[in-house]
Amino acid sequence: SVVGPHPFPWMVREFQKVIGDELKDQVAGGDLPSPDVI
């Protein structure tokens, strides 16, 4: 998880942010409306 001593929190975030990056692309591509709440 995004826990532990540096650099783990930053490194794990970088590997996991693919989730939100994809969601942004899916919104831009018209797969869903822009979310009000996540």
Full PDB file with SEQRES, HELIX, SHEET, SSBOND, CRYST1, ORIGX, SCALE, CONECT and MASTER records, all heavy atoms in Angstrom:
SEQRES   1 A   38  SER VAL VAL GLY PRO HIS PRO PHE PRO TRP MET VAL ARG          
SEQRES   2 A   38  GLU PHE GLN LYS VAL ILE GLY ASP GLU LEU LYS ASP GLN          
SEQRES   3 A   38  VAL ALA GLY GLY ASP LEU PRO SER PRO ASP VAL ILE              
HELIX    1 AA1 PHE A    8  GLN A   16  1                                   9    
HELIX    2 AA2 VAL A   18  ALA A   28  1                                  11    
CRYST1    1.000    1.000    1.000  90.00  90.00  90.00 P 1           1          
ORIGX1      1.000000  0.000000  0.000000        0.00000                         
ORIGX2      0.000000  1.000000  0.000000        0.00000                         
ORIGX3      0.000000  0.000000  1.000000        0.00000                         
SCALE1      1.000000  0.000000  0.000000        0.00000                         
SCALE2      0.000000  1.000000  0.000000        0.00000                         
SCALE3      0.000000  0.000000  1.000000        0.00000                         
ATOM      1  N   SER A   1       0.840  -1.189   0.000  1.00  0.00           N  
ATOM      2  CA  SER A   1       0.000   0.000   0.000  1.00  0.00           C  
ATOM      3  C   SER A   1       0.881   1.247   0.000  1.00  0.00           C  
ATOM      4  O   SER A   1       2.114   1.154  -0.047  1.00  0.00           O  
ATOM      5  CB  SER A   1      -0.933   0.005   1.218  1.00  0.00           C  
ATOM      6  OG  SER A   1      -1.959   0.969   1.036  1.00  0.00           O  
ATOM      7  N   VAL A   2       0.224   2.408   0.065  1.00  0.00           N  
ATOM      8  CA  VAL A   2       0.959   3.678   0.030  1.00  0.00           C  
ATOM      9  C   VAL A   2       1.447   4.037   1.433  1.00  0.00           C  
ATOM     10  O   VAL A   2       1.281   5.159   1.911  1.00  0.00           O  
ATOM     11  CB  VAL A   2       0.097   4.805  -0.572  1.00  0.00           C  
ATOM     12  CG1 VAL A   2      -0.026   4.640  -2.067  1.00  0.00           C  
ATOM     13  CG2 VAL A   2      -1.288   4.860   0.090  1.00  0.00           C  
ATOM     14  N   VAL A   3       2.050   3.063   2.101  1.00  0.00           N  
ATOM     15  CA  VAL A   3       2.525   3.210   3.477  1.00  0.00           C  
ATOM     16  C   VAL A   3       4.017   2.927   3.536  1.00  0.00           C  
ATOM     17  O   VAL A   3       4.645   2.607   2.528  1.00  0.00           O  
ATOM     18  CB  VAL A   3       1.756   2.258   4.428  1.00  0.00           C  
ATOM     19  CG1 VAL A   3       0.267   2.553   4.410  1.00  0.00           C  
ATOM     20  CG2 VAL A   3       2.005   0.790   4.054  1.00  0.00           C  
ATOM     21  N   GLY A   4       4.580   3.042   4.744  1.00  0.00           N  
ATOM     22  CA  GLY A   4       5.987   2.730   4.940  1.00  0.00           C  
ATOM     23  C   GLY A   4       6.881   3.928   4.710  1.00  0.00           C  
ATOM     24  O   GLY A   4       6.429   5.036   4.417  1.00  0.00           O  
ATOM     25  N   PRO A   5       8.191   3.715   4.858  1.00  0.00           N  
ATOM     26  CA  PRO A   5       9.146   4.808   4.676  1.00  0.00           C  
ATOM     27  C   PRO A   5       9.281   5.192   3.204  1.00  0.00           C  
ATOM     28  O   PRO A   5       9.016   4.390   2.309  1.00  0.00           O  
ATOM     29  CB  PRO A   5      10.453   4.210   5.219  1.00  0.00           C  
ATOM     30  CG  PRO A   5      10.317   2.736   4.994  1.00  0.00           C  
ATOM     31  CD  PRO A   5       8.859   2.440   5.213  1.00  0.00           C  
ATOM     32  N   HIS A   6       9.693   6.430   2.968  1.00  0.00           N  
ATOM     33  CA  HIS A   6      10.012   6.878   1.614  1.00  0.00           C  
ATOM     34  C   HIS A   6      11.072   5.956   1.015  1.00  0.00           C  
ATOM     35  O   HIS A   6      12.002   5.565   1.715  1.00  0.00           O  
ATOM     36  CB  HIS A   6      10.542   8.315   1.685  1.00  0.00           C  
ATOM     37  CG  HIS A   6      10.995   8.878   0.379  1.00  0.00           C  
ATOM     38  ND1 HIS A   6      10.114   9.219  -0.620  1.00  0.00           N  
ATOM     39  CD2 HIS A   6      12.244   9.136  -0.112  1.00  0.00           C  
ATOM     40  CE1 HIS A   6      10.793   9.688  -1.648  1.00  0.00           C  
ATOM     41  NE2 HIS A   6      12.083   9.647  -1.360  1.00  0.00           N  
ATOM     42  N   PRO A   7      10.947   5.527  -0.257  1.00  0.00           N  
ATOM     43  CA  PRO A   7      10.060   6.045  -1.306  1.00  0.00           C  
ATOM     44  C   PRO A   7       8.773   5.260  -1.516  1.00  0.00           C  
ATOM     45  O   PRO A   7       8.091   5.477  -2.521  1.00  0.00           O  
ATOM     46  CB  PRO A   7      10.951   5.932  -2.545  1.00  0.00           C  
ATOM     47  CG  PRO A   7      11.703   4.644  -2.324  1.00  0.00           C  
ATOM     48  CD  PRO A   7      11.997   4.619  -0.835  1.00  0.00           C  
ATOM     49  N   PHE A   8       8.422   4.313  -0.614  1.00  0.00           N  
ATOM     50  CA  PHE A   8       7.281   3.435  -0.876  1.00  0.00           C  
ATOM     51  C   PHE A   8       5.960   4.168  -1.133  1.00  0.00           C  
ATOM     52  O   PHE A   8       5.263   3.856  -2.110  1.00  0.00           O  
ATOM     53  CB  PHE A   8       7.122   2.420   0.256  1.00  0.00           C  
ATOM     54  CG  PHE A   8       8.113   1.289   0.208  1.00  0.00           C  
ATOM     55  CD1 PHE A   8       9.085   1.163   1.181  1.00  0.00           C  
ATOM     56  CD2 PHE A   8       8.072   0.348  -0.807  1.00  0.00           C  
ATOM     57  CE1 PHE A   8      10.008   0.128   1.142  1.00  0.00           C  
ATOM     58  CE2 PHE A   8       8.988  -0.697  -0.863  1.00  0.00           C  
ATOM     59  CZ  PHE A   8       9.955  -0.813   0.121  1.00  0.00           C  
ATOM     60  N   PRO A   9       5.541   5.137  -0.292  1.00  0.00           N  
ATOM     61  CA  PRO A   9       4.239   5.766  -0.551  1.00  0.00           C  
ATOM     62  C   PRO A   9       4.154   6.428  -1.926  1.00  0.00           C  
ATOM     63  O   PRO A   9       3.118   6.335  -2.611  1.00  0.00           O  
ATOM     64  CB  PRO A   9       4.123   6.795   0.577  1.00  0.00           C  
ATOM     65  CG  PRO A   9       4.981   6.247   1.681  1.00  0.00           C  
ATOM     66  CD  PRO A   9       6.138   5.622   0.970  1.00  0.00           C  
ATOM     67  N   TRP A  10       5.224   7.096  -2.311  1.00  0.00           N  
ATOM     68  CA  TRP A  10       5.262   7.750  -3.618  1.00  0.00           C  
ATOM     69  C   TRP A  10       5.302   6.721  -4.749  1.00  0.00           C  
ATOM     70  O   TRP A  10       4.551   6.817  -5.733  1.00  0.00           O  
ATOM     71  CB  TRP A  10       6.493   8.662  -3.666  1.00  0.00           C  
ATOM     72  CG  TRP A  10       6.844   9.221  -5.012  1.00  0.00           C  
ATOM     73  CD1 TRP A  10       6.001   9.810  -5.902  1.00  0.00           C  
ATOM     74  CD2 TRP A  10       8.142   9.252  -5.597  1.00  0.00           C  
ATOM     75  NE1 TRP A  10       6.701  10.215  -7.019  1.00  0.00           N  
ATOM     76  CE2 TRP A  10       8.020   9.885  -6.850  1.00  0.00           C  
ATOM     77  CE3 TRP A  10       9.414   8.830  -5.176  1.00  0.00           C  
ATOM     78  CZ2 TRP A  10       9.115  10.081  -7.703  1.00  0.00           C  
ATOM     79  CZ3 TRP A  10      10.491   9.045  -6.013  1.00  0.00           C  
ATOM     80  CH2 TRP A  10      10.332   9.657  -7.268  1.00  0.00           C  
ATOM     81  N   MET A  11       6.136   5.715  -4.609  1.00  0.00           N  
ATOM     82  CA  MET A  11       6.310   4.703  -5.645  1.00  0.00           C  
ATOM     83  C   MET A  11       5.024   3.919  -5.887  1.00  0.00           C  
ATOM     84  O   MET A  11       4.602   3.718  -7.034  1.00  0.00           O  
ATOM     85  CB  MET A  11       7.446   3.760  -5.244  1.00  0.00           C  
ATOM     86  CG  MET A  11       7.798   2.717  -6.276  1.00  0.00           C  
ATOM     87  SD  MET A  11       9.308   1.816  -5.805  1.00  0.00           S  
ATOM     88  CE  MET A  11       8.740   0.952  -4.340  1.00  0.00           C  
ATOM     89  N   VAL A  12       4.375   3.484  -4.805  1.00  0.00           N  
ATOM     90  CA  VAL A  12       3.133   2.717  -4.948  1.00  0.00           C  
ATOM     91  C   VAL A  12       2.039   3.593  -5.555  1.00  0.00           C  
ATOM     92  O   VAL A  12       1.257   3.139  -6.391  1.00  0.00           O  
ATOM     93  CB  VAL A  12       2.695   2.122  -3.591  1.00  0.00           C  
ATOM     94  CG1 VAL A  12       1.349   1.418  -3.719  1.00  0.00           C  
ATOM     95  CG2 VAL A  12       3.751   1.144  -3.071  1.00  0.00           C  
ATOM     96  N   ARG A  13       1.990   4.877  -5.162  1.00  0.00           N  
ATOM     97  CA  ARG A  13       1.028   5.795  -5.787  1.00  0.00           C  
ATOM     98  C   ARG A  13       1.244   5.879  -7.296  1.00  0.00           C  
ATOM     99  O   ARG A  13       0.293   5.854  -8.084  1.00  0.00           O  
ATOM    100  CB  ARG A  13       1.123   7.175  -5.154  1.00  0.00           C  
ATOM    101  CG  ARG A  13       0.171   8.187  -5.797  1.00  0.00           C  
ATOM    102  CD  ARG A  13       0.956   9.247  -6.580  1.00  0.00           C  
ATOM    103  NE  ARG A  13       1.398  10.296  -5.684  1.00  0.00           N  
ATOM    104  CZ  ARG A  13       2.232  11.273  -6.065  1.00  0.00           C  
ATOM    105  NH1 ARG A  13       2.715  11.329  -7.295  1.00  0.00           N  
ATOM    106  NH2 ARG A  13       2.619  12.190  -5.192  1.00  0.00           N  
ATOM    107  N   GLU A  14       2.498   5.978  -7.701  1.00  0.00           N  
ATOM    108  CA  GLU A  14       2.792   6.086  -9.130  1.00  0.00           C  
ATOM    109  C   GLU A  14       2.349   4.842  -9.894  1.00  0.00           C  
ATOM    110  O   GLU A  14       1.864   4.941 -11.027  1.00  0.00           O  
ATOM    111  CB  GLU A  14       4.282   6.352  -9.351  1.00  0.00           C  
ATOM    112  CG  GLU A  14       4.726   7.731  -8.913  1.00  0.00           C  
ATOM    113  CD  GLU A  14       4.036   8.832  -9.702  1.00  0.00           C  
ATOM    114  OE1 GLU A  14       4.351   9.012 -10.894  1.00  0.00           O  
ATOM    115  OE2 GLU A  14       3.163   9.516  -9.124  1.00  0.00           O  
ATOM    116  N   PHE A  15       2.503   3.664  -9.283  1.00  0.00           N  
ATOM    117  CA  PHE A  15       2.054   2.439  -9.940  1.00  0.00           C  
ATOM    118  C   PHE A  15       0.529   2.299  -9.929  1.00  0.00           C  
ATOM    119  O   PHE A  15      -0.036   1.680 -10.833  1.00  0.00           O  
ATOM    120  CB  PHE A  15       2.695   1.211  -9.284  1.00  0.00           C  
ATOM    121  CG  PHE A  15       4.159   1.022  -9.605  1.00  0.00           C  
ATOM    122  CD1 PHE A  15       5.074   0.770  -8.586  1.00  0.00           C  
ATOM    123  CD2 PHE A  15       4.624   1.097 -10.906  1.00  0.00           C  
ATOM    124  CE1 PHE A  15       6.428   0.593  -8.875  1.00  0.00           C  
ATOM    125  CE2 PHE A  15       5.975   0.925 -11.203  1.00  0.00           C  
ATOM    126  CZ  PHE A  15       6.875   0.668 -10.186  1.00  0.00           C  
ATOM    127  N   GLN A  16      -0.131   2.859  -8.929  1.00  0.00           N  
ATOM    128  CA  GLN A  16      -1.584   2.701  -8.812  1.00  0.00           C  
ATOM    129  C   GLN A  16      -2.388   3.807  -9.500  1.00  0.00           C  
ATOM    130  O   GLN A  16      -3.562   3.617  -9.796  1.00  0.00           O  
ATOM    131  CB  GLN A  16      -2.001   2.632  -7.332  1.00  0.00           C  
ATOM    132  CG  GLN A  16      -1.619   1.350  -6.620  1.00  0.00           C  
ATOM    133  CD  GLN A  16      -2.383   0.120  -7.107  1.00  0.00           C  
ATOM    134  OE1 GLN A  16      -3.202   0.187  -8.018  1.00  0.00           O  
ATOM    135  NE2 GLN A  16      -2.126  -1.015  -6.483  1.00  0.00           N  
ATOM    136  N   LYS A  17      -1.772   4.948  -9.804  1.00  0.00           N  
ATOM    137  CA  LYS A  17      -2.555   6.045 -10.368  1.00  0.00           C  
ATOM    138  C   LYS A  17      -3.049   5.755 -11.774  1.00  0.00           C  
ATOM    139  O   LYS A  17      -3.835   6.529 -12.336  1.00  0.00           O  
ATOM    140  CB  LYS A  17      -1.760   7.350 -10.333  1.00  0.00           C  
ATOM    141  CG  LYS A  17      -0.618   7.442 -11.333  1.00  0.00           C  
ATOM    142  CD  LYS A  17       0.056   8.811 -11.259  1.00  0.00           C  
ATOM    143  CE  LYS A  17       1.139   8.933 -12.338  1.00  0.00           C  
ATOM    144  NZ  LYS A  17       1.826  10.237 -12.283  1.00  0.00           N  
ATOM    145  N   VAL A  18      -2.653   4.627 -12.337  1.00  0.00           N  
ATOM    146  CA  VAL A  18      -3.209   4.182 -13.618  1.00  0.00           C  
ATOM    147  C   VAL A  18      -4.731   4.081 -13.537  1.00  0.00           C  
ATOM    148  O   VAL A  18      -5.431   4.292 -14.537  1.00  0.00           O  
ATOM    149  CB  VAL A  18      -2.574   2.836 -14.042  1.00  0.00           C  
ATOM    150  CG1 VAL A  18      -2.924   1.710 -13.081  1.00  0.00           C  
ATOM    151  CG2 VAL A  18      -2.995   2.459 -15.462  1.00  0.00           C  
ATOM    152  N   ILE A  19      -5.265   3.813 -12.344  1.00  0.00           N  
ATOM    153  CA  ILE A  19      -6.719   3.691 -12.173  1.00  0.00           C  
ATOM    154  C   ILE A  19      -7.391   5.019 -12.492  1.00  0.00           C  
ATOM    155  O   ILE A  19      -8.325   5.091 -13.316  1.00  0.00           O  
ATOM    156  CB  ILE A  19      -7.066   3.243 -10.740  1.00  0.00           C  
ATOM    157  CG1 ILE A  19      -6.361   1.938 -10.366  1.00  0.00           C  
ATOM    158  CG2 ILE A  19      -8.586   3.092 -10.592  1.00  0.00           C  
ATOM    159  CD1 ILE A  19      -6.486   1.578  -8.888  1.00  0.00           C  
ATOM    160  N   GLY A  20      -6.945   6.081 -11.833  1.00  0.00           N  
ATOM    161  CA  GLY A  20      -7.535   7.393 -12.063  1.00  0.00           C  
ATOM    162  C   GLY A  20      -7.214   7.957 -13.431  1.00  0.00           C  
ATOM    163  O   GLY A  20      -8.049   8.636 -14.053  1.00  0.00           O  
ATOM    164  N   ASP A  21      -6.003   7.682 -13.932  1.00  0.00           N  
ATOM    165  CA  ASP A  21      -5.644   8.141 -15.284  1.00  0.00           C  
ATOM    166  C   ASP A  21      -6.590   7.527 -16.314  1.00  0.00           C  
ATOM    167  O   ASP A  21      -7.058   8.212 -17.233  1.00  0.00           O  
ATOM    168  CB  ASP A  21      -4.199   7.765 -15.611  1.00  0.00           C  
ATOM    169  CG  ASP A  21      -3.172   8.623 -14.890  1.00  0.00           C  
ATOM    170  OD1 ASP A  21      -3.532   9.735 -14.430  1.00  0.00           O  
ATOM    171  OD2 ASP A  21      -2.006   8.184 -14.775  1.00  0.00           O  
ATOM    172  N   GLU A  22      -6.862   6.233 -16.168  1.00  0.00           N  
ATOM    173  CA  GLU A  22      -7.798   5.572 -17.073  1.00  0.00           C  
ATOM    174  C   GLU A  22      -9.194   6.164 -16.971  1.00  0.00           C  
ATOM    175  O   GLU A  22      -9.868   6.383 -17.984  1.00  0.00           O  
ATOM    176  CB  GLU A  22      -7.874   4.075 -16.750  1.00  0.00           C  
ATOM    177  CG  GLU A  22      -6.734   3.258 -17.283  1.00  0.00           C  
ATOM    178  CD  GLU A  22      -6.878   1.790 -16.923  1.00  0.00           C  
ATOM    179  OE1 GLU A  22      -7.928   1.387 -16.375  1.00  0.00           O  
ATOM    180  OE2 GLU A  22      -5.925   1.044 -17.183  1.00  0.00           O  
ATOM    181  N   LEU A  23      -9.640   6.427 -15.738  1.00  0.00           N  
ATOM    182  CA  LEU A  23     -10.972   6.988 -15.551  1.00  0.00           C  
ATOM    183  C   LEU A  23     -11.074   8.342 -16.240  1.00  0.00           C  
ATOM    184  O   LEU A  23     -12.096   8.645 -16.882  1.00  0.00           O  
ATOM    185  CB  LEU A  23     -11.301   7.100 -14.063  1.00  0.00           C  
ATOM    186  CG  LEU A  23     -12.701   7.625 -13.720  1.00  0.00           C  
ATOM    187  CD1 LEU A  23     -13.791   6.733 -14.313  1.00  0.00           C  
ATOM    188  CD2 LEU A  23     -12.873   7.748 -12.209  1.00  0.00           C  
ATOM    189  N   LYS A  24     -10.041   9.159 -16.143  1.00  0.00           N  
ATOM    190  CA  LYS A  24     -10.046  10.452 -16.846  1.00  0.00           C  
ATOM    191  C   LYS A  24     -10.163  10.245 -18.360  1.00  0.00           C  
ATOM    192  O   LYS A  24     -10.913  10.955 -19.040  1.00  0.00           O  
ATOM    193  CB  LYS A  24      -8.776  11.237 -16.519  1.00  0.00           C  
ATOM    194  CG  LYS A  24      -8.818  11.943 -15.176  1.00  0.00           C  
ATOM    195  CD  LYS A  24      -7.901  13.150 -15.140  1.00  0.00           C  
ATOM    196  CE  LYS A  24      -8.332  14.103 -14.030  1.00  0.00           C  
ATOM    197  NZ  LYS A  24      -7.560  15.350 -14.016  1.00  0.00           N  
ATOM    198  N   ASP A  25      -9.425   9.265 -18.884  1.00  0.00           N  
ATOM    199  CA  ASP A  25      -9.500   8.972 -20.313  1.00  0.00           C  
ATOM    200  C   ASP A  25     -10.892   8.478 -20.702  1.00  0.00           C  
ATOM    201  O   ASP A  25     -11.411   8.811 -21.781  1.00  0.00           O  
ATOM    202  CB  ASP A  25      -8.458   7.919 -20.697  1.00  0.00           C  
ATOM    203  CG  ASP A  25      -7.028   8.447 -20.653  1.00  0.00           C  
ATOM    204  OD1 ASP A  25      -6.848   9.685 -20.643  1.00  0.00           O  
ATOM    205  OD2 ASP A  25      -6.096   7.616 -20.611  1.00  0.00           O  
ATOM    206  N   GLN A  26     -11.503   7.679 -19.820  1.00  0.00           N  
ATOM    207  CA  GLN A  26     -12.836   7.139 -20.105  1.00  0.00           C  
ATOM    208  C   GLN A  26     -13.896   8.234 -20.092  1.00  0.00           C  
ATOM    209  O   GLN A  26     -14.834   8.216 -20.885  1.00  0.00           O  
ATOM    210  CB  GLN A  26     -13.154   6.012 -19.114  1.00  0.00           C  
ATOM    211  CG  GLN A  26     -12.334   4.757 -19.391  1.00  0.00           C  
ATOM    212  CD  GLN A  26     -12.287   3.766 -18.237  1.00  0.00           C  
ATOM    213  OE1 GLN A  26     -12.310   4.150 -17.064  1.00  0.00           O  
ATOM    214  NE2 GLN A  26     -12.207   2.481 -18.553  1.00  0.00           N  
ATOM    215  N   VAL A  27     -13.732   9.221 -19.200  1.00  0.00           N  
ATOM    216  CA  VAL A  27     -14.622  10.388 -19.206  1.00  0.00           C  
ATOM    217  C   VAL A  27     -14.427  11.176 -20.494  1.00  0.00           C  
ATOM    218  O   VAL A  27     -15.396  11.536 -21.187  1.00  0.00           O  
ATOM    219  CB  VAL A  27     -14.369  11.284 -17.973  1.00  0.00           C  
ATOM    220  CG1 VAL A  27     -15.122  12.612 -18.107  1.00  0.00           C  
ATOM    221  CG2 VAL A  27     -14.787  10.570 -16.688  1.00  0.00           C  
ATOM    222  N   ALA A  28     -13.176  11.436 -20.845  1.00  0.00           N  
ATOM    223  CA  ALA A  28     -12.875  12.204 -22.061  1.00  0.00           C  
ATOM    224  C   ALA A  28     -13.373  11.489 -23.308  1.00  0.00           C  
ATOM    225  O   ALA A  28     -13.785  12.138 -24.282  1.00  0.00           O  
ATOM    226  CB  ALA A  28     -11.372  12.455 -22.159  1.00  0.00           C  
ATOM    227  N   GLY A  29     -13.362  10.153 -23.282  1.00  0.00           N  
ATOM    228  CA  GLY A  29     -13.813   9.364 -24.426  1.00  0.00           C  
ATOM    229  C   GLY A  29     -15.313   9.168 -24.495  1.00  0.00           C  
ATOM    230  O   GLY A  29     -15.806   8.496 -25.408  1.00  0.00           O  
ATOM    231  N   GLY A  30     -16.035   9.699 -23.518  1.00  0.00           N  
ATOM    232  CA  GLY A  30     -17.487   9.606 -23.534  1.00  0.00           C  
ATOM    233  C   GLY A  30     -18.055   8.321 -22.965  1.00  0.00           C  
ATOM    234  O   GLY A  30     -19.255   8.045 -23.121  1.00  0.00           O  
ATOM    235  N   ASP A  31     -17.217   7.530 -22.260  1.00  0.00           N  
ATOM    236  CA  ASP A  31     -17.715   6.285 -21.669  1.00  0.00           C  
ATOM    237  C   ASP A  31     -18.657   6.541 -20.503  1.00  0.00           C  
ATOM    238  O   ASP A  31     -19.500   5.690 -20.184  1.00  0.00           O  
ATOM    239  CB  ASP A  31     -16.548   5.415 -21.186  1.00  0.00           C  
ATOM    240  CG  ASP A  31     -15.687   4.896 -22.330  1.00  0.00           C  
ATOM    241  OD1 ASP A  31     -16.093   5.073 -23.495  1.00  0.00           O  
ATOM    242  OD2 ASP A  31     -14.616   4.319 -22.052  1.00  0.00           O  
ATOM    243  N   LEU A  32     -18.505   7.677 -19.842  1.00  0.00           N  
ATOM    244  CA  LEU A  32     -19.370   8.063 -18.733  1.00  0.00           C  
ATOM    245  C   LEU A  32     -19.347   9.574 -18.603  1.00  0.00           C  
ATOM    246  O   LEU A  32     -18.409  10.228 -19.098  1.00  0.00           O  
ATOM    247  CB  LEU A  32     -18.932   7.408 -17.421  1.00  0.00           C  
ATOM    248  CG  LEU A  32     -17.679   7.967 -16.709  1.00  0.00           C  
ATOM    249  CD1 LEU A  32     -17.710   7.536 -15.241  1.00  0.00           C  
ATOM    250  CD2 LEU A  32     -16.384   7.497 -17.352  1.00  0.00           C  
ATOM    251  N   PRO A  33     -20.370  10.154 -17.945  1.00  0.00           N  
ATOM    252  CA  PRO A  33     -20.344  11.607 -17.708  1.00  0.00           C  
ATOM    253  C   PRO A  33     -19.244  11.969 -16.711  1.00  0.00           C  
ATOM    254  O   PRO A  33     -18.735  11.119 -15.981  1.00  0.00           O  
ATOM    255  CB  PRO A  33     -21.735  11.886 -17.107  1.00  0.00           C  
ATOM    256  CG  PRO A  33     -22.546  10.662 -17.356  1.00  0.00           C  
ATOM    257  CD  PRO A  33     -21.587   9.522 -17.440  1.00  0.00           C  
ATOM    258  N   SER A  34     -18.887  13.242 -16.671  1.00  0.00           N  
ATOM    259  CA  SER A  34     -17.922  13.698 -15.671  1.00  0.00           C  
ATOM    260  C   SER A  34     -18.479  13.437 -14.276  1.00  0.00           C  
ATOM    261  O   SER A  34     -19.612  13.826 -13.971  1.00  0.00           O  
ATOM    262  CB  SER A  34     -17.644  15.195 -15.832  1.00  0.00           C  
ATOM    263  OG  SER A  34     -16.993  15.449 -17.052  1.00  0.00           O  
ATOM    264  N   PRO A  35     -17.721  12.773 -13.414  1.00  0.00           N  
ATOM    265  CA  PRO A  35     -18.247  12.454 -12.080  1.00  0.00           C  
ATOM    266  C   PRO A  35     -18.340  13.682 -11.181  1.00  0.00           C  
ATOM    267  O   PRO A  35     -17.493  14.576 -11.242  1.00  0.00           O  
ATOM    268  CB  PRO A  35     -17.231  11.450 -11.532  1.00  0.00           C  
ATOM    269  CG  PRO A  35     -15.966  11.721 -12.275  1.00  0.00           C  
ATOM    270  CD  PRO A  35     -16.374  12.208 -13.635  1.00  0.00           C  
ATOM    271  N   ASP A  36     -19.373  13.696 -10.370  1.00  0.00           N  
ATOM    272  CA  ASP A  36     -19.499  14.705  -9.318  1.00  0.00           C  
ATOM    273  C   ASP A  36     -18.790  14.256  -8.048  1.00  0.00           C  
ATOM    274  O   ASP A  36     -18.264  15.078  -7.290  1.00  0.00           O  
ATOM    275  CB  ASP A  36     -20.976  14.965  -9.005  1.00  0.00           C  
ATOM    276  CG  ASP A  36     -21.755  15.461 -10.207  1.00  0.00           C  
ATOM    277  OD1 ASP A  36     -21.384  16.512 -10.751  1.00  0.00           O  
ATOM    278  OD2 ASP A  36     -22.726  14.786 -10.611  1.00  0.00           O  
ATOM    279  N   VAL A  37     -18.812  12.926  -7.819  1.00  0.00           N  
ATOM    280  CA  VAL A  37     -18.230  12.348  -6.601  1.00  0.00           C  
ATOM    281  C   VAL A  37     -17.494  11.067  -6.980  1.00  0.00           C  
ATOM    282  O   VAL A  37     -18.001  10.271  -7.778  1.00  0.00           O  
ATOM    283  CB  VAL A  37     -19.323  12.024  -5.552  1.00  0.00           C  
ATOM    284  CG1 VAL A  37     -18.673  11.535  -4.252  1.00  0.00           C  
ATOM    285  CG2 VAL A  37     -20.207  13.228  -5.286  1.00  0.00           C  
ATOM    286  N   ILE A  38     -16.308  10.858  -6.416  1.00  0.00           N  
ATOM    287  CA  ILE A  38     -15.563   9.604  -6.562  1.00  0.00           C  
ATOM    288  C   ILE A  38     -15.333   9.046  -5.166  1.00  0.00           C  
ATOM    289  O   ILE A  38     -14.860   9.760  -4.278  1.00  0.00           O  
ATOM    290  CB  ILE A  38     -14.223   9.815  -7.288  1.00  0.00           C  
ATOM    291  CG1 ILE A  38     -14.467  10.366  -8.704  1.00  0.00           C  
ATOM    292  CG2 ILE A  38     -13.436   8.510  -7.359  1.00  0.00           C  
ATOM    293  CD1 ILE A  38     -13.182  10.738  -9.433  1.00  0.00           C  
TER     294      ILE A  38                                                      
MASTER        0    0    0    2    0    0    0    6  293    1    0    3          
END                                                                             
